[in-house]
């Protein structure tokens, strides 16, 4: 997605929210330096600066997410949207897959290889499914409707981008915590102690989420998105 569409519902959930989460320890550190008791002008200036930083950072978050996605797909043997359409995968029944393949042939004039042809040349089969899914996504996006597949798409983008940025998230958490420790050492106050406590919690969350919770969620939401997108495609095909 280009920058002009950054405030679409998908971009807000998939790029802006992860960016805010990753930058939150730095935001806490910033307001530990310039507390809310300071002048309103400084606070508004600080907020304005962080809005610009968050906007710019959304591009890095997306790049990190896409890079993680590519590595994950290489390890797992392909994207979920391709894996679940293989003849030997059990996510969909062979009868339902036959309906998918018939709809693909009808709409895009693409012949899906048979089960035997897939066994002989699995890479060719995967390339066809992958190319078709690119067209399916494009057609679904044109409908511009907030339905199940689009919500799963946003969830997948959120988890992917946050997971891909976990090292940056951890680095900012450590940096923010260290900064708060220094601030509290230089001038002990309840406000700076609060900032230190918050960043300690955020550091713990970044570790638990980044290396335990999010990897499990990534596989789940990836397959849910793939199933709902293919299902929406078949539903549209039945009504057209």
C-alpha atoms as a PDB file:
ATOM      1  CA  UNK A   1       0.000   0.000   0.000  1.00  0.00           C
ATOM      2  CA  UNK A   2       1.256   3.483  -0.753  1.00  0.00           C
ATOM      3  CA  UNK A   3       1.419   6.306   1.721  1.00  0.00           C
ATOM      4  CA  UNK A   4      -1.690   7.996   0.354  1.00  0.00           C
ATOM      5  CA  UNK A   5      -3.798   5.127   1.698  1.00  0.00           C
ATOM      6  CA  UNK A   6      -2.164   4.979   5.125  1.00  0.00           C
ATOM      7  CA  UNK A   7      -5.377   5.842   6.969  1.00  0.00           C
ATOM      8  CA  UNK A   8      -7.548   3.069   5.525  1.00  0.00           C
ATOM      9  CA  UNK A   9      -8.940   0.635   8.127  1.00  0.00           C
ATOM     10  CA  UNK A  10      -6.426  -2.016   7.033  1.00  0.00           C
ATOM     11  CA  UNK A  11      -3.414   0.305   7.225  1.00  0.00           C
ATOM     12  CA  UNK A  12      -4.456   1.628  10.639  1.00  0.00           C
ATOM     13  CA  UNK A  13      -4.716  -1.878  12.089  1.00  0.00           C
ATOM     14  CA  UNK A  14      -1.830  -3.496  10.226  1.00  0.00           C
ATOM     15  CA  UNK A  15       0.760  -0.697  10.175  1.00  0.00           C
ATOM     16  CA  UNK A  16      -0.082   2.180  12.507  1.00  0.00           C
ATOM     17  CA  UNK A  17      -1.025   0.066  15.553  1.00  0.00           C
ATOM     18  CA  UNK A  18       2.166  -2.067  15.399  1.00  0.00           C
ATOM     19  CA  UNK A  19       4.242   1.102  14.941  1.00  0.00           C
ATOM     20  CA  UNK A  20       2.723   2.671  18.061  1.00  0.00           C
ATOM     21  CA  UNK A  21       3.358  -0.505  20.078  1.00  0.00           C
ATOM     22  CA  UNK A  22       7.000  -0.734  18.950  1.00  0.00           C
ATOM     23  CA  UNK A  23       7.629   2.965  19.665  1.00  0.00           C
ATOM     24  CA  UNK A  24       5.708   3.059  22.953  1.00  0.00           C
ATOM     25  CA  UNK A  25       8.821   2.612  25.180  1.00  0.00           C
ATOM     26  CA  UNK A  26      10.412   5.655  23.495  1.00  0.00           C
ATOM     27  CA  UNK A  27       7.197   7.623  23.944  1.00  0.00           C
ATOM     28  CA  UNK A  28       7.199   6.760  27.662  1.00  0.00           C
ATOM     29  CA  UNK A  29      10.848   7.833  27.902  1.00  0.00           C
ATOM     30  CA  UNK A  30      10.066  11.089  26.109  1.00  0.00           C
ATOM     31  CA  UNK A  31       7.273  12.002  28.512  1.00  0.00           C
ATOM     32  CA  UNK A  32       9.505  11.048  31.434  1.00  0.00           C
ATOM     33  CA  UNK A  33      11.834  13.801  30.211  1.00  0.00           C
ATOM     34  CA  UNK A  34       9.018  16.254  29.426  1.00  0.00           C
ATOM     35  CA  UNK A  35       6.240  15.443  31.927  1.00  0.00           C
ATOM     36  CA  UNK A  36       2.597  16.308  31.430  1.00  0.00           C
ATOM     37  CA  UNK A  37       3.013  19.020  34.064  1.00  0.00           C
ATOM     38  CA  UNK A  38       5.192  20.932  31.603  1.00  0.00           C
ATOM     39  CA  UNK A  39       3.810  23.600  29.274  1.00  0.00           C
ATOM     40  CA  UNK A  40       1.016  22.612  26.912  1.00  0.00           C
ATOM     41  CA  UNK A  41       3.063  23.928  23.990  1.00  0.00           C
ATOM     42  CA  UNK A  42       5.880  21.434  24.698  1.00  0.00           C
ATOM     43  CA  UNK A  43       3.420  18.601  25.071  1.00  0.00           C
ATOM     44  CA  UNK A  44       1.665  19.412  21.782  1.00  0.00           C
ATOM     45  CA  UNK A  45       5.022  19.805  20.048  1.00  0.00           C
ATOM     46  CA  UNK A  46       6.113  16.425  21.394  1.00  0.00           C
ATOM     47  CA  UNK A  47       2.886  14.776  20.260  1.00  0.00           C
ATOM     48  CA  UNK A  48       3.255  16.326  16.809  1.00  0.00           C
ATOM     49  CA  UNK A  49       6.807  15.037  16.511  1.00  0.00           C
ATOM     50  CA  UNK A  50       5.756  11.539  17.489  1.00  0.00           C
ATOM     51  CA  UNK A  51       2.877  11.517  15.019  1.00  0.00           C
ATOM     52  CA  UNK A  52       5.367  12.249  12.238  1.00  0.00           C
ATOM     53  CA  UNK A  53       7.791   9.625  13.578  1.00  0.00           C
ATOM     54  CA  UNK A  54       5.044   6.998  13.817  1.00  0.00           C
ATOM     55  CA  UNK A  55       3.875   7.784  10.276  1.00  0.00           C
ATOM     56  CA  UNK A  56       7.411   7.406   8.913  1.00  0.00           C
ATOM     57  CA  UNK A  57       8.047   4.303  11.010  1.00  0.00           C
ATOM     58  CA  UNK A  58       5.061   2.482   9.498  1.00  0.00           C
ATOM     59  CA  UNK A  59       7.174   1.871   6.377  1.00  0.00           C
ATOM     60  CA  UNK A  60       9.935   0.176   8.373  1.00  0.00           C
ATOM     61  CA  UNK A  61       7.367  -1.915  10.229  1.00  0.00           C
ATOM     62  CA  UNK A  62       5.861  -3.123   6.976  1.00  0.00           C
ATOM     63  CA  UNK A  63       9.254  -3.923   5.421  1.00  0.00           C
ATOM     64  CA  UNK A  64      10.239  -5.898   8.529  1.00  0.00           C
ATOM     65  CA  UNK A  65       6.934  -7.757   8.431  1.00  0.00           C
ATOM     66  CA  UNK A  66       7.218  -8.653   4.755  1.00  0.00           C
ATOM     67  CA  UNK A  67      10.806  -9.850   5.204  1.00  0.00           C
ATOM     68  CA  UNK A  68       9.741 -12.056   8.129  1.00  0.00           C
ATOM     69  CA  UNK A  69       6.856 -13.378   6.060  1.00  0.00           C
ATOM     70  CA  UNK A  70       9.165 -14.389   3.195  1.00  0.00           C
ATOM     71  CA  UNK A  71      11.508 -16.242   5.546  1.00  0.00           C
ATOM     72  CA  UNK A  72       8.592 -17.994   7.248  1.00  0.00           C
ATOM     73  CA  UNK A  73       7.056 -19.087   3.951  1.00  0.00           C
ATOM     74  CA  UNK A  74      10.409 -20.452   2.803  1.00  0.00           C
ATOM     75  CA  UNK A  75      10.745 -22.501   5.987  1.00  0.00           C
ATOM     76  CA  UNK A  76       7.134 -23.762   5.938  1.00  0.00           C
ATOM     77  CA  UNK A  77       7.038 -24.589   2.234  1.00  0.00           C
ATOM     78  CA  UNK A  78       4.892 -21.726   0.993  1.00  0.00           C
ATOM     79  CA  UNK A  79       2.157 -19.271   2.005  1.00  0.00           C
ATOM     80  CA  UNK A  80      -0.984 -20.649   3.676  1.00  0.00           C
ATOM     81  CA  UNK A  81      -3.071 -19.494   0.699  1.00  0.00           C
ATOM     82  CA  UNK A  82      -1.108 -21.915  -1.508  1.00  0.00           C
ATOM     83  CA  UNK A  83      -0.658 -24.748   0.982  1.00  0.00           C
ATOM     84  CA  UNK A  84      -4.381 -25.169   1.689  1.00  0.00           C
ATOM     85  CA  UNK A  85      -5.168 -25.427  -2.027  1.00  0.00           C
ATOM     86  CA  UNK A  86      -2.815 -28.339  -2.682  1.00  0.00           C
ATOM     87  CA  UNK A  87      -4.564 -31.603  -3.425  1.00  0.00           C
ATOM     88  CA  UNK A  88      -2.854 -33.391  -0.525  1.00  0.00           C
ATOM     89  CA  UNK A  89      -3.759 -30.751   2.097  1.00  0.00           C
ATOM     90  CA  UNK A  90      -6.764 -31.598   4.267  1.00  0.00           C
ATOM     91  CA  UNK A  91      -7.950 -28.086   5.178  1.00  0.00           C
ATOM     92  CA  UNK A  92     -10.582 -28.264   2.421  1.00  0.00           C
ATOM     93  CA  UNK A  93     -12.154 -31.441   1.107  1.00  0.00           C
ATOM     94  CA  UNK A  94     -11.278 -32.530  -2.427  1.00  0.00           C
ATOM     95  CA  UNK A  95     -14.896 -31.913  -3.425  1.00  0.00           C
ATOM     96  CA  UNK A  96     -14.683 -28.306  -2.223  1.00  0.00           C
ATOM     97  CA  UNK A  97     -11.308 -27.843  -3.908  1.00  0.00           C
ATOM     98  CA  UNK A  98     -12.856 -29.012  -7.157  1.00  0.00           C
ATOM     99  CA  UNK A  99     -15.392 -26.188  -6.774  1.00  0.00           C
ATOM    100  CA  UNK A 100     -12.569 -23.709  -6.168  1.00  0.00           C
ATOM    101  CA  UNK A 101     -10.667 -24.929  -9.215  1.00  0.00           C
ATOM    102  CA  UNK A 102     -13.775 -24.793 -11.397  1.00  0.00           C
ATOM    103  CA  UNK A 103     -14.467 -21.218 -10.243  1.00  0.00           C
ATOM    104  CA  UNK A 104     -10.836 -20.269 -10.981  1.00  0.00           C
ATOM    105  CA  UNK A 105     -11.072 -21.722 -14.493  1.00  0.00           C
ATOM    106  CA  UNK A 106     -14.373 -19.982 -15.128  1.00  0.00           C
ATOM    107  CA  UNK A 107     -13.237 -16.557 -13.905  1.00  0.00           C
ATOM    108  CA  UNK A 108      -9.569 -16.464 -14.921  1.00  0.00           C
ATOM    109  CA  UNK A 109      -9.400 -19.128 -17.662  1.00  0.00           C
ATOM    110  CA  UNK A 110      -6.657 -20.906 -15.696  1.00  0.00           C
ATOM    111  CA  UNK A 111      -6.559 -24.708 -15.666  1.00  0.00           C
ATOM    112  CA  UNK A 112      -5.485 -26.105 -12.288  1.00  0.00           C
ATOM    113  CA  UNK A 113      -3.240 -29.188 -12.570  1.00  0.00           C
ATOM    114  CA  UNK A 114      -4.709 -32.513 -11.500  1.00  0.00           C
ATOM    115  CA  UNK A 115      -3.650 -34.352  -8.362  1.00  0.00           C
ATOM    116  CA  UNK A 116      -1.270 -36.526 -10.379  1.00  0.00           C
ATOM    117  CA  UNK A 117       0.176 -33.487 -12.169  1.00  0.00           C
ATOM    118  CA  UNK A 118       0.776 -31.807  -8.805  1.00  0.00           C
ATOM    119  CA  UNK A 119       2.766 -34.825  -7.608  1.00  0.00           C
ATOM    120  CA  UNK A 120       4.876 -34.773 -10.780  1.00  0.00           C
ATOM    121  CA  UNK A 121       5.550 -31.025 -10.728  1.00  0.00           C
ATOM    122  CA  UNK A 122       4.604 -29.494  -7.341  1.00  0.00           C
ATOM    123  CA  UNK A 123       6.472 -26.226  -7.993  1.00  0.00           C
ATOM    124  CA  UNK A 124       4.453 -25.589 -11.155  1.00  0.00           C
ATOM    125  CA  UNK A 125       1.226 -26.210  -9.232  1.00  0.00           C
ATOM    126  CA  UNK A 126       2.264 -23.791  -6.472  1.00  0.00           C
ATOM    127  CA  UNK A 127       3.170 -21.062  -8.969  1.00  0.00           C
ATOM    128  CA  UNK A 128      -0.251 -21.304 -10.583  1.00  0.00           C
ATOM    129  CA  UNK A 129      -2.091 -21.122  -7.233  1.00  0.00           C
ATOM    130  CA  UNK A 130       0.114 -18.266  -6.045  1.00  0.00           C
ATOM    131  CA  UNK A 131      -0.497 -16.268  -9.232  1.00  0.00           C
ATOM    132  CA  UNK A 132      -4.226 -16.895  -9.033  1.00  0.00           C
ATOM    133  CA  UNK A 133      -4.388 -15.790  -5.400  1.00  0.00           C
ATOM    134  CA  UNK A 134      -2.742 -12.479  -6.310  1.00  0.00           C
ATOM    135  CA  UNK A 135      -5.643 -11.876  -8.718  1.00  0.00           C
ATOM    136  CA  UNK A 136      -8.165 -13.097  -6.137  1.00  0.00           C
ATOM    137  CA  UNK A 137      -6.854 -10.621  -3.539  1.00  0.00           C
ATOM    138  CA  UNK A 138      -6.978  -7.805  -6.060  1.00  0.00           C
ATOM    139  CA  UNK A 139     -10.591  -8.581  -6.932  1.00  0.00           C
ATOM    140  CA  UNK A 140     -11.584  -8.872  -3.278  1.00  0.00           C
ATOM    141  CA  UNK A 141      -9.955  -5.518  -2.471  1.00  0.00           C
ATOM    142  CA  UNK A 142     -12.019  -3.892  -5.222  1.00  0.00           C
ATOM    143  CA  UNK A 143     -15.185  -4.839  -3.346  1.00  0.00           C
ATOM    144  CA  UNK A 144     -13.922  -2.610  -0.490  1.00  0.00           C
ATOM    145  CA  UNK A 145     -16.166  -4.294   2.065  1.00  0.00           C
ATOM    146  CA  UNK A 146     -15.488  -4.850   5.753  1.00  0.00           C
ATOM    147  CA  UNK A 147     -16.255  -8.557   5.924  1.00  0.00           C
ATOM    148  CA  UNK A 148     -14.626 -11.620   7.456  1.00  0.00           C
ATOM    149  CA  UNK A 149     -11.770 -11.952   4.984  1.00  0.00           C
ATOM    150  CA  UNK A 150     -10.798  -8.264   5.269  1.00  0.00           C
ATOM    151  CA  UNK A 151     -10.798  -8.451   9.081  1.00  0.00           C
ATOM    152  CA  UNK A 152      -8.620 -11.564   8.946  1.00  0.00           C
ATOM    153  CA  UNK A 153      -6.374  -9.756   6.476  1.00  0.00           C
ATOM    154  CA  UNK A 154      -5.923  -6.855   8.907  1.00  0.00           C
ATOM    155  CA  UNK A 155      -5.280  -9.250  11.819  1.00  0.00           C
ATOM    156  CA  UNK A 156      -2.678 -11.078   9.752  1.00  0.00           C
ATOM    157  CA  UNK A 157      -0.991  -7.801   8.774  1.00  0.00           C
ATOM    158  CA  UNK A 158      -0.905  -6.658  12.408  1.00  0.00           C
ATOM    159  CA  UNK A 159       0.668  -9.884  13.710  1.00  0.00           C
ATOM    160  CA  UNK A 160       3.076 -10.174  10.771  1.00  0.00           C
ATOM    161  CA  UNK A 161       4.361  -6.614  11.059  1.00  0.00           C
ATOM    162  CA  UNK A 162       4.661  -6.670  14.846  1.00  0.00           C
ATOM    163  CA  UNK A 163       6.385 -10.059  14.768  1.00  0.00           C
ATOM    164  CA  UNK A 164       8.745  -8.919  12.024  1.00  0.00           C
ATOM    165  CA  UNK A 165       9.644  -5.881  14.156  1.00  0.00           C
ATOM    166  CA  UNK A 166      10.198  -7.793  17.400  1.00  0.00           C
ATOM    167  CA  UNK A 167      13.953  -7.109  17.549  1.00  0.00           C
ATOM    168  CA  UNK A 168      13.333  -3.380  17.045  1.00  0.00           C
ATOM    169  CA  UNK A 169      10.583  -3.564  19.659  1.00  0.00           C
ATOM    170  CA  UNK A 170      12.925  -5.257  22.132  1.00  0.00           C
ATOM    171  CA  UNK A 171      15.715  -2.766  21.394  1.00  0.00           C
ATOM    172  CA  UNK A 172      13.420   0.208  21.990  1.00  0.00           C
ATOM    173  CA  UNK A 173      12.132  -1.424  25.190  1.00  0.00           C
ATOM    174  CA  UNK A 174      15.682  -1.848  26.531  1.00  0.00           C
ATOM    175  CA  UNK A 175      16.616   1.653  25.391  1.00  0.00           C
ATOM    176  CA  UNK A 176      13.532   3.181  26.993  1.00  0.00           C
ATOM    177  CA  UNK A 177      14.084   1.291  30.237  1.00  0.00           C
ATOM    178  CA  UNK A 178      17.766   2.260  30.372  1.00  0.00           C
ATOM    179  CA  UNK A 179      16.879   5.884  29.735  1.00  0.00           C
ATOM    180  CA  UNK A 180      14.321   5.857  32.547  1.00  0.00           C
ATOM    181  CA  UNK A 181      16.876   4.311  34.915  1.00  0.00           C
ATOM    182  CA  UNK A 182      19.307   7.138  34.127  1.00  0.00           C
ATOM    183  CA  UNK A 183      16.607   9.773  34.565  1.00  0.00           C
ATOM    184  CA  UNK A 184      15.539   8.337  37.919  1.00  0.00           C
ATOM    185  CA  UNK A 185      19.169   8.172  39.049  1.00  0.00           C
ATOM    186  CA  UNK A 186      19.712  11.824  38.124  1.00  0.00           C
ATOM    187  CA  UNK A 187      16.466  13.017  39.682  1.00  0.00           C
ATOM    188  CA  UNK A 188      14.353  10.633  41.728  1.00  0.00           C
ATOM    189  CA  UNK A 189      10.630  11.309  41.406  1.00  0.00           C
ATOM    190  CA  UNK A 190       7.419   9.316  41.365  1.00  0.00           C
ATOM    191  CA  UNK A 191       6.792  10.338  37.755  1.00  0.00           C
ATOM    192  CA  UNK A 192      10.148   9.020  36.553  1.00  0.00           C
ATOM    193  CA  UNK A 193       9.680   5.889  38.673  1.00  0.00           C
ATOM    194  CA  UNK A 194       6.335   5.351  36.945  1.00  0.00           C
ATOM    195  CA  UNK A 195       8.018   5.682  33.546  1.00  0.00           C
ATOM    196  CA  UNK A 196      10.649   3.151  34.588  1.00  0.00           C
ATOM    197  CA  UNK A 197       7.996   0.714  35.793  1.00  0.00           C
ATOM    198  CA  UNK A 198       5.981   1.037  32.581  1.00  0.00           C
ATOM    199  CA  UNK A 199       9.040   0.414  30.396  1.00  0.00           C
ATOM    200  CA  UNK A 200      10.040  -2.607  32.478  1.00  0.00           C
ATOM    201  CA  UNK A 201       6.582  -4.051  31.841  1.00  0.00           C
ATOM    202  CA  UNK A 202       6.834  -3.193  28.134  1.00  0.00           C
ATOM    203  CA  UNK A 203      10.227  -4.937  27.935  1.00  0.00           C
ATOM    204  CA  UNK A 204       8.740  -8.082  29.432  1.00  0.00           C
ATOM    205  CA  UNK A 205       5.758  -7.918  27.072  1.00  0.00           C
ATOM    206  CA  UNK A 206       8.041  -7.509  24.037  1.00  0.00           C
ATOM    207  CA  UNK A 207       9.931 -10.694  24.969  1.00  0.00           C
ATOM    208  CA  UNK A 208       6.886 -12.820  25.788  1.00  0.00           C
ATOM    209  CA  UNK A 209       4.871 -11.604  22.814  1.00  0.00           C
ATOM    210  CA  UNK A 210       7.714 -11.502  20.316  1.00  0.00           C
ATOM    211  CA  UNK A 211       9.092 -14.971  20.999  1.00  0.00           C
ATOM    212  CA  UNK A 212       6.123 -16.888  22.412  1.00  0.00           C
ATOM    213  CA  UNK A 213       2.640 -15.522  21.681  1.00  0.00           C
ATOM    214  CA  UNK A 214       3.009 -13.855  18.283  1.00  0.00           C
ATOM    215  CA  UNK A 215       4.698 -16.817  16.491  1.00  0.00           C
ATOM    216  CA  UNK A 216       1.737 -19.013  17.436  1.00  0.00           C
ATOM    217  CA  UNK A 217      -0.737 -16.331  16.408  1.00  0.00           C
ATOM    218  CA  UNK A 218       1.053 -15.804  13.095  1.00  0.00           C
ATOM    219  CA  UNK A 219       0.392 -19.331  11.871  1.00  0.00           C
ATOM    220  CA  UNK A 220      -3.208 -19.281  13.090  1.00  0.00           C
ATOM    221  CA  UNK A 221      -4.244 -15.925  11.628  1.00  0.00           C
ATOM    222  CA  UNK A 222      -2.372 -16.686   8.393  1.00  0.00           C
ATOM    223  CA  UNK A 223      -4.452 -19.801   7.762  1.00  0.00           C
ATOM    224  CA  UNK A 224      -7.667 -18.114   8.892  1.00  0.00           C
ATOM    225  CA  UNK A 225      -7.047 -15.290   6.434  1.00  0.00           C
ATOM    226  CA  UNK A 226      -6.268 -17.730   3.614  1.00  0.00           C
ATOM    227  CA  UNK A 227      -9.433 -19.767   4.276  1.00  0.00           C
ATOM    228  CA  UNK A 228     -11.699 -16.735   4.507  1.00  0.00           C
ATOM    229  CA  UNK A 229     -10.212 -15.135   1.368  1.00  0.00           C
ATOM    230  CA  UNK A 230     -10.671 -18.281  -0.722  1.00  0.00           C
ATOM    231  CA  UNK A 231     -14.149 -18.708   0.755  1.00  0.00           C
ATOM    232  CA  UNK A 232     -15.093 -15.139  -0.147  1.00  0.00           C
ATOM    233  CA  UNK A 233     -13.800 -15.724  -3.672  1.00  0.00           C
ATOM    234  CA  UNK A 234     -15.978 -18.813  -4.085  1.00  0.00           C
ATOM    235  CA  UNK A 235     -18.976 -16.983  -2.646  1.00  0.00           C
ATOM    236  CA  UNK A 236     -18.527 -14.156  -5.165  1.00  0.00           C
ATOM    237  CA  UNK A 237     -18.121 -16.676  -7.952  1.00  0.00           C
ATOM    238  CA  UNK A 238     -21.417 -18.368  -7.011  1.00  0.00           C
ATOM    239  CA  UNK A 239     -23.305 -15.058  -7.108  1.00  0.00           C
ATOM    240  CA  UNK A 240     -21.803 -13.737 -10.373  1.00  0.00           C
END
